[in-house]
């Protein structure tokens, strides 16, 4: 199978104080050989999330560095879709489903890859359901 992970899903898997047994159970259904995709923007989101963890004193820099091997173990495939036509597709999704451009990127990727979307974001989950994208 093919999956698209968003930052909320990944965060719940690798950040200790955000661990969620439901998310772990969902992730455990995914096989190692299954494809796991993310849009390029995920890496900016991860850096921002990790930076905020340090800035707000939830974890030290050394502790956050320990998250990277766990993140690497997911073997995520980064999608580099870009350009004017891509931005137009994202804008349509933003307007039609009341999403941020970030969330629209996950929805667009899941649709294009015919993938299962893995997210904890309630607005993105609702949009995916309306759009016809399968949600884990």
N, C-alpha and C. Protein backbone atom coordinates (compact mmCIF):
# COMPACT_ATOMS: atom_id res chain seq x y z
N UNK A 1 0.84 -1.19 0.00
CA UNK A 1 0.00 0.00 0.00
C UNK A 1 0.88 1.24 0.00
N UNK A 2 0.24 2.35 -0.28
CA UNK A 2 0.91 3.64 -0.31
C UNK A 2 0.27 4.53 0.74
N UNK A 3 1.10 5.24 1.49
CA UNK A 3 0.64 6.12 2.55
C UNK A 3 1.27 7.50 2.39
N UNK A 4 0.55 8.52 2.86
CA UNK A 4 1.10 9.86 2.99
C UNK A 4 1.00 10.23 4.47
N UNK A 5 2.13 10.62 5.05
CA UNK A 5 2.19 11.02 6.46
C UNK A 5 2.23 12.53 6.54
N UNK A 6 1.50 13.09 7.50
CA UNK A 6 1.65 14.51 7.77
C UNK A 6 2.43 14.69 9.07
N UNK A 7 2.76 15.94 9.38
CA UNK A 7 3.59 16.24 10.55
C UNK A 7 2.90 15.85 11.86
N UNK A 8 1.59 15.99 11.93
CA UNK A 8 0.88 15.64 13.17
C UNK A 8 1.01 14.15 13.46
N UNK A 9 0.92 13.34 12.44
CA UNK A 9 1.03 11.89 12.59
C UNK A 9 2.45 11.50 13.00
N UNK A 10 3.43 12.07 12.32
CA UNK A 10 4.82 11.76 12.63
C UNK A 10 5.17 12.22 14.05
N UNK A 11 4.72 13.42 14.40
CA UNK A 11 4.99 13.93 15.74
C UNK A 11 4.47 13.01 16.83
N UNK A 12 3.27 12.48 16.62
CA UNK A 12 2.66 11.58 17.61
C UNK A 12 3.42 10.25 17.71
N UNK A 13 4.20 9.93 16.69
CA UNK A 13 4.98 8.69 16.72
C UNK A 13 6.36 8.88 17.33
N UNK A 14 6.96 10.05 17.19
CA UNK A 14 8.36 10.17 17.61
C UNK A 14 8.61 11.10 18.79
N UNK A 15 7.69 12.00 19.09
CA UNK A 15 7.89 12.92 20.22
C UNK A 15 7.32 12.25 21.47
N UNK A 16 8.17 11.94 22.43
CA UNK A 16 7.73 11.13 23.58
C UNK A 16 6.48 11.63 24.30
N UNK A 17 6.38 12.93 24.55
CA UNK A 17 5.21 13.39 25.30
C UNK A 17 3.98 13.61 24.43
N UNK A 18 4.09 13.26 23.15
CA UNK A 18 2.93 13.30 22.26
C UNK A 18 2.53 11.90 21.80
N UNK A 19 3.22 10.88 22.33
CA UNK A 19 2.88 9.50 21.95
C UNK A 19 1.40 9.26 22.18
N UNK A 20 0.82 8.57 21.25
CA UNK A 20 -0.60 8.29 21.28
C UNK A 20 -0.77 6.80 20.95
N UNK A 21 -1.29 6.00 21.88
CA UNK A 21 -1.43 4.56 21.61
C UNK A 21 -2.25 4.27 20.36
N UNK A 22 -3.25 5.10 20.09
CA UNK A 22 -4.09 4.90 18.90
C UNK A 22 -3.25 5.07 17.63
N UNK A 23 -2.38 6.08 17.61
CA UNK A 23 -1.53 6.33 16.45
C UNK A 23 -0.53 5.19 16.30
N UNK A 24 0.05 4.74 17.39
CA UNK A 24 0.99 3.62 17.34
C UNK A 24 0.31 2.37 16.78
N UNK A 25 -0.90 2.12 17.21
CA UNK A 25 -1.66 0.97 16.72
C UNK A 25 -1.93 1.12 15.22
N UNK A 26 -2.26 2.34 14.79
CA UNK A 26 -2.50 2.59 13.36
C UNK A 26 -1.21 2.37 12.57
N UNK A 27 -0.10 2.89 13.09
CA UNK A 27 1.17 2.75 12.39
C UNK A 27 1.60 1.29 12.31
N UNK A 28 1.34 0.53 13.33
CA UNK A 28 1.73 -0.87 13.35
C UNK A 28 1.05 -1.69 12.25
N UNK A 29 -0.04 -1.16 11.68
CA UNK A 29 -0.72 -1.85 10.57
C UNK A 29 0.02 -1.65 9.25
N UNK A 30 0.93 -0.70 9.20
CA UNK A 30 1.68 -0.40 7.99
C UNK A 30 2.88 -1.33 7.91
N UNK A 31 3.06 -1.94 6.76
CA UNK A 31 4.16 -2.87 6.55
C UNK A 31 5.44 -2.13 6.18
N UNK A 32 6.58 -2.71 6.50
CA UNK A 32 7.87 -2.09 6.16
C UNK A 32 8.01 -1.82 4.67
N UNK A 33 7.50 -2.71 3.85
CA UNK A 33 7.66 -2.55 2.40
C UNK A 33 6.64 -1.57 1.80
N UNK A 34 5.66 -1.14 2.58
CA UNK A 34 4.71 -0.14 2.08
C UNK A 34 5.43 1.18 1.82
N UNK A 35 4.96 1.89 0.79
CA UNK A 35 5.54 3.20 0.47
C UNK A 35 4.96 4.25 1.41
N UNK A 36 5.85 5.13 1.91
CA UNK A 36 5.45 6.22 2.80
C UNK A 36 5.96 7.51 2.19
N UNK A 37 5.03 8.37 1.79
CA UNK A 37 5.38 9.61 1.09
C UNK A 37 5.07 10.83 1.94
N UNK A 38 5.83 11.88 1.70
CA UNK A 38 5.59 13.18 2.32
C UNK A 38 5.87 14.27 1.29
N UNK A 39 5.15 15.38 1.37
CA UNK A 39 5.52 16.51 0.52
C UNK A 39 6.81 17.15 1.06
N UNK A 40 7.52 17.83 0.20
CA UNK A 40 8.77 18.47 0.58
C UNK A 40 8.60 19.36 1.81
N UNK A 41 7.46 19.99 1.95
CA UNK A 41 7.25 20.92 3.06
C UNK A 41 7.32 20.24 4.43
N UNK A 42 7.14 18.93 4.49
CA UNK A 42 7.21 18.24 5.78
C UNK A 42 8.51 18.54 6.50
N UNK A 43 9.61 18.60 5.77
CA UNK A 43 10.91 18.78 6.41
C UNK A 43 11.03 20.16 7.05
N UNK A 44 10.37 21.16 6.48
CA UNK A 44 10.32 22.48 7.11
C UNK A 44 9.47 22.43 8.37
N UNK A 45 8.35 21.72 8.27
CA UNK A 45 7.47 21.59 9.43
C UNK A 45 8.18 20.86 10.58
N UNK A 46 8.89 19.81 10.26
CA UNK A 46 9.60 19.05 11.30
C UNK A 46 10.65 19.93 11.97
N UNK A 47 11.42 20.68 11.18
CA UNK A 47 12.42 21.57 11.76
C UNK A 47 11.75 22.60 12.67
N UNK A 48 10.61 23.12 12.26
CA UNK A 48 9.89 24.10 13.06
C UNK A 48 9.36 23.48 14.35
N UNK A 49 8.78 22.31 14.24
CA UNK A 49 8.26 21.60 15.42
C UNK A 49 9.40 21.33 16.41
N UNK A 50 10.51 20.79 15.92
CA UNK A 50 11.63 20.47 16.79
C UNK A 50 12.22 21.73 17.42
N UNK A 51 12.32 22.80 16.64
CA UNK A 51 12.81 24.07 17.16
C UNK A 51 11.92 24.58 18.29
N UNK A 52 10.61 24.47 18.11
CA UNK A 52 9.67 24.90 19.15
C UNK A 52 9.76 24.04 20.40
N UNK A 53 10.02 22.75 20.23
CA UNK A 53 10.20 21.87 21.40
C UNK A 53 11.36 22.35 22.26
N UNK A 54 12.43 22.76 21.60
CA UNK A 54 13.60 23.26 22.32
C UNK A 54 13.31 24.64 22.90
N UNK A 55 12.77 25.53 22.08
CA UNK A 55 12.51 26.91 22.49
C UNK A 55 11.59 26.98 23.71
N UNK A 56 10.60 26.09 23.76
CA UNK A 56 9.65 26.11 24.87
C UNK A 56 10.07 25.22 26.04
N UNK A 57 11.27 24.67 25.96
CA UNK A 57 11.82 23.92 27.08
C UNK A 57 11.24 22.54 27.30
N UNK A 58 10.55 22.02 26.30
CA UNK A 58 9.99 20.67 26.45
C UNK A 58 11.08 19.61 26.35
N UNK A 59 12.08 19.88 25.50
CA UNK A 59 13.19 18.96 25.30
C UNK A 59 14.46 19.77 25.06
N UNK A 60 15.58 19.20 25.41
CA UNK A 60 16.87 19.85 25.12
C UNK A 60 17.23 19.60 23.66
N UNK A 61 18.21 20.34 23.18
CA UNK A 61 18.69 20.12 21.81
C UNK A 61 19.21 18.71 21.61
N UNK A 62 19.93 18.20 22.62
CA UNK A 62 20.44 16.83 22.53
C UNK A 62 19.30 15.81 22.48
N UNK A 63 18.26 16.05 23.25
CA UNK A 63 17.12 15.13 23.23
C UNK A 63 16.43 15.15 21.87
N UNK A 64 16.28 16.33 21.31
CA UNK A 64 15.63 16.44 20.00
C UNK A 64 16.48 15.76 18.92
N UNK A 65 17.78 15.84 19.04
CA UNK A 65 18.64 15.16 18.06
C UNK A 65 18.38 13.65 18.05
N UNK A 66 17.94 13.10 19.17
CA UNK A 66 17.64 11.67 19.25
C UNK A 66 16.39 11.29 18.47
N UNK A 67 15.58 12.28 18.08
CA UNK A 67 14.37 12.00 17.30
C UNK A 67 14.69 11.68 15.84
N UNK A 68 15.82 12.20 15.35
CA UNK A 68 16.13 12.06 13.93
C UNK A 68 16.34 10.61 13.48
N UNK A 69 17.05 9.76 14.24
CA UNK A 69 17.15 8.36 13.80
C UNK A 69 15.78 7.68 13.70
N UNK A 70 14.88 8.00 14.62
CA UNK A 70 13.53 7.42 14.55
C UNK A 70 12.80 7.93 13.32
N UNK A 71 12.98 9.20 13.03
CA UNK A 71 12.37 9.77 11.83
C UNK A 71 12.94 9.12 10.57
N UNK A 72 14.24 8.94 10.53
CA UNK A 72 14.89 8.31 9.37
C UNK A 72 14.42 6.87 9.17
N UNK A 73 14.09 6.20 10.26
CA UNK A 73 13.67 4.80 10.17
C UNK A 73 12.34 4.62 9.43
N UNK A 74 11.57 5.68 9.28
CA UNK A 74 10.32 5.58 8.53
C UNK A 74 10.55 5.40 7.03
N UNK A 75 11.75 5.72 6.56
CA UNK A 75 12.07 5.62 5.12
C UNK A 75 11.06 6.38 4.27
N UNK A 76 10.87 7.64 4.61
CA UNK A 76 9.90 8.47 3.90
C UNK A 76 10.44 8.88 2.53
N UNK A 77 9.56 8.86 1.54
CA UNK A 77 9.91 9.31 0.19
C UNK A 77 9.39 10.73 0.03
N UNK A 78 10.28 11.64 -0.27
CA UNK A 78 9.91 13.05 -0.39
C UNK A 78 9.46 13.36 -1.80
N UNK A 79 8.29 13.97 -1.91
CA UNK A 79 7.73 14.39 -3.19
C UNK A 79 8.13 15.85 -3.44
N UNK A 80 8.56 16.15 -4.64
CA UNK A 80 9.04 17.49 -4.97
C UNK A 80 8.15 18.20 -5.98
N UNK A 81 6.88 17.88 -6.01
CA UNK A 81 5.96 18.57 -6.93
C UNK A 81 6.02 20.07 -6.66
N UNK A 82 6.04 20.86 -7.73
CA UNK A 82 6.14 22.32 -7.59
C UNK A 82 5.66 22.99 -8.87
N UNK A 83 5.59 24.28 -8.84
CA UNK A 83 5.28 25.05 -10.03
C UNK A 83 3.91 25.68 -9.99
N UNK A 84 3.62 26.41 -11.06
CA UNK A 84 2.38 27.18 -11.15
C UNK A 84 1.15 26.28 -11.12
N UNK A 85 1.14 25.24 -11.93
CA UNK A 85 -0.03 24.35 -11.98
C UNK A 85 -0.26 23.69 -10.62
N UNK A 86 0.81 23.34 -9.94
CA UNK A 86 0.71 22.74 -8.60
C UNK A 86 0.10 23.75 -7.63
N UNK A 87 0.59 24.96 -7.66
CA UNK A 87 0.04 26.00 -6.78
C UNK A 87 -1.44 26.26 -7.07
N UNK A 88 -1.83 26.18 -8.32
CA UNK A 88 -3.24 26.35 -8.67
C UNK A 88 -4.08 25.22 -8.07
N UNK A 89 -3.57 23.98 -8.14
CA UNK A 89 -4.29 22.85 -7.54
C UNK A 89 -4.42 23.05 -6.04
N UNK A 90 -3.35 23.48 -5.39
CA UNK A 90 -3.40 23.71 -3.95
C UNK A 90 -4.40 24.81 -3.59
N UNK A 91 -4.41 25.87 -4.37
CA UNK A 91 -5.34 26.96 -4.12
C UNK A 91 -6.78 26.48 -4.22
N UNK A 92 -7.07 25.66 -5.23
CA UNK A 92 -8.43 25.12 -5.36
C UNK A 92 -8.81 24.29 -4.14
N UNK A 93 -7.89 23.45 -3.69
CA UNK A 93 -8.16 22.64 -2.50
C UNK A 93 -8.34 23.52 -1.26
N UNK A 94 -7.52 24.54 -1.13
CA UNK A 94 -7.64 25.48 0.00
C UNK A 94 -9.03 26.11 0.02
N UNK A 95 -9.44 26.59 -1.13
CA UNK A 95 -10.73 27.29 -1.21
C UNK A 95 -11.92 26.34 -1.10
N UNK A 96 -11.83 25.20 -1.76
CA UNK A 96 -12.96 24.26 -1.76
C UNK A 96 -13.15 23.56 -0.41
N UNK A 97 -12.05 23.35 0.33
CA UNK A 97 -12.14 22.56 1.55
C UNK A 97 -11.69 23.32 2.80
N UNK A 98 -11.48 24.63 2.65
CA UNK A 98 -11.11 25.50 3.78
C UNK A 98 -9.86 24.99 4.49
N UNK A 99 -8.83 24.72 3.70
CA UNK A 99 -7.56 24.21 4.22
C UNK A 99 -6.46 25.25 4.10
N UNK A 100 -5.42 25.10 4.92
CA UNK A 100 -4.19 25.86 4.70
C UNK A 100 -3.49 25.25 3.47
N UNK A 101 -2.58 25.98 2.90
CA UNK A 101 -1.84 25.44 1.76
C UNK A 101 -1.01 24.23 2.19
N UNK A 102 -0.56 24.23 3.46
CA UNK A 102 0.20 23.08 3.96
C UNK A 102 -0.66 21.83 3.97
N UNK A 103 -1.85 21.93 4.52
CA UNK A 103 -2.75 20.78 4.57
C UNK A 103 -3.17 20.36 3.16
N UNK A 104 -3.38 21.34 2.30
CA UNK A 104 -3.75 21.03 0.91
C UNK A 104 -2.65 20.22 0.23
N UNK A 105 -1.40 20.48 0.57
CA UNK A 105 -0.29 19.73 -0.04
C UNK A 105 -0.35 18.25 0.33
N UNK A 106 -0.73 17.96 1.57
CA UNK A 106 -0.87 16.56 1.98
C UNK A 106 -2.05 15.90 1.27
N UNK A 107 -3.15 16.62 1.17
CA UNK A 107 -4.34 16.07 0.50
C UNK A 107 -4.06 15.84 -0.98
N UNK A 108 -3.41 16.79 -1.61
CA UNK A 108 -3.09 16.66 -3.04
C UNK A 108 -2.17 15.47 -3.27
N UNK A 109 -1.17 15.31 -2.43
CA UNK A 109 -0.22 14.20 -2.59
C UNK A 109 -0.92 12.86 -2.39
N UNK A 110 -1.74 12.76 -1.37
CA UNK A 110 -2.47 11.52 -1.13
C UNK A 110 -3.38 11.18 -2.31
N UNK A 111 -4.03 12.18 -2.85
CA UNK A 111 -4.90 11.96 -4.01
C UNK A 111 -4.07 11.53 -5.23
N UNK A 112 -3.01 12.24 -5.51
CA UNK A 112 -2.19 11.95 -6.69
C UNK A 112 -1.55 10.57 -6.61
N UNK A 113 -1.13 10.16 -5.42
CA UNK A 113 -0.49 8.85 -5.24
C UNK A 113 -1.52 7.74 -4.99
N UNK A 114 -2.80 8.12 -4.89
CA UNK A 114 -3.85 7.15 -4.53
C UNK A 114 -3.46 6.45 -3.22
N UNK A 115 -3.07 7.29 -2.27
CA UNK A 115 -2.53 6.81 -1.01
C UNK A 115 -3.52 7.00 0.13
N UNK A 116 -3.25 6.30 1.22
CA UNK A 116 -3.98 6.46 2.46
C UNK A 116 -3.33 7.62 3.21
N UNK A 117 -4.14 8.57 3.63
CA UNK A 117 -3.63 9.75 4.34
C UNK A 117 -3.56 9.47 5.84
N UNK A 118 -2.41 9.71 6.43
CA UNK A 118 -2.20 9.50 7.87
C UNK A 118 -2.04 10.86 8.53
N UNK A 119 -3.07 11.31 9.20
CA UNK A 119 -3.07 12.62 9.85
C UNK A 119 -3.93 12.58 11.10
N UNK A 120 -3.61 13.45 12.05
CA UNK A 120 -4.44 13.64 13.23
C UNK A 120 -5.22 14.95 13.13
N UNK A 121 -4.94 15.73 12.12
CA UNK A 121 -5.56 17.04 11.94
C UNK A 121 -7.03 16.87 11.56
N UNK A 122 -7.93 17.36 12.40
CA UNK A 122 -9.37 17.13 12.17
C UNK A 122 -9.87 17.81 10.91
N UNK A 123 -9.38 19.00 10.59
CA UNK A 123 -9.82 19.69 9.38
C UNK A 123 -9.34 18.94 8.13
N UNK A 124 -8.11 18.48 8.16
CA UNK A 124 -7.58 17.73 7.03
C UNK A 124 -8.30 16.40 6.89
N UNK A 125 -8.60 15.74 8.00
CA UNK A 125 -9.36 14.48 7.95
C UNK A 125 -10.74 14.72 7.33
N UNK A 126 -11.41 15.78 7.73
CA UNK A 126 -12.75 16.09 7.20
C UNK A 126 -12.67 16.38 5.71
N UNK A 127 -11.67 17.15 5.30
CA UNK A 127 -11.51 17.48 3.88
C UNK A 127 -11.23 16.22 3.07
N UNK A 128 -10.36 15.36 3.59
CA UNK A 128 -10.03 14.12 2.87
C UNK A 128 -11.27 13.25 2.70
N UNK A 129 -12.07 13.19 3.74
CA UNK A 129 -13.30 12.39 3.67
C UNK A 129 -14.22 12.93 2.57
N UNK A 130 -14.41 14.25 2.55
CA UNK A 130 -15.26 14.88 1.52
C UNK A 130 -14.67 14.70 0.12
N UNK A 131 -13.36 14.77 0.03
CA UNK A 131 -12.67 14.68 -1.27
C UNK A 131 -12.60 13.25 -1.79
N UNK A 132 -12.73 12.29 -0.89
CA UNK A 132 -12.68 10.90 -1.31
C UNK A 132 -11.34 10.24 -1.11
N UNK A 133 -10.47 10.85 -0.32
CA UNK A 133 -9.17 10.25 -0.01
C UNK A 133 -9.33 9.39 1.24
N UNK A 134 -8.79 8.19 1.20
CA UNK A 134 -8.89 7.27 2.33
C UNK A 134 -8.00 7.77 3.46
N UNK A 135 -8.50 7.67 4.68
CA UNK A 135 -7.78 8.10 5.87
C UNK A 135 -7.48 6.88 6.72
N UNK A 136 -6.27 6.84 7.28
CA UNK A 136 -5.92 5.74 8.18
C UNK A 136 -6.62 5.95 9.51
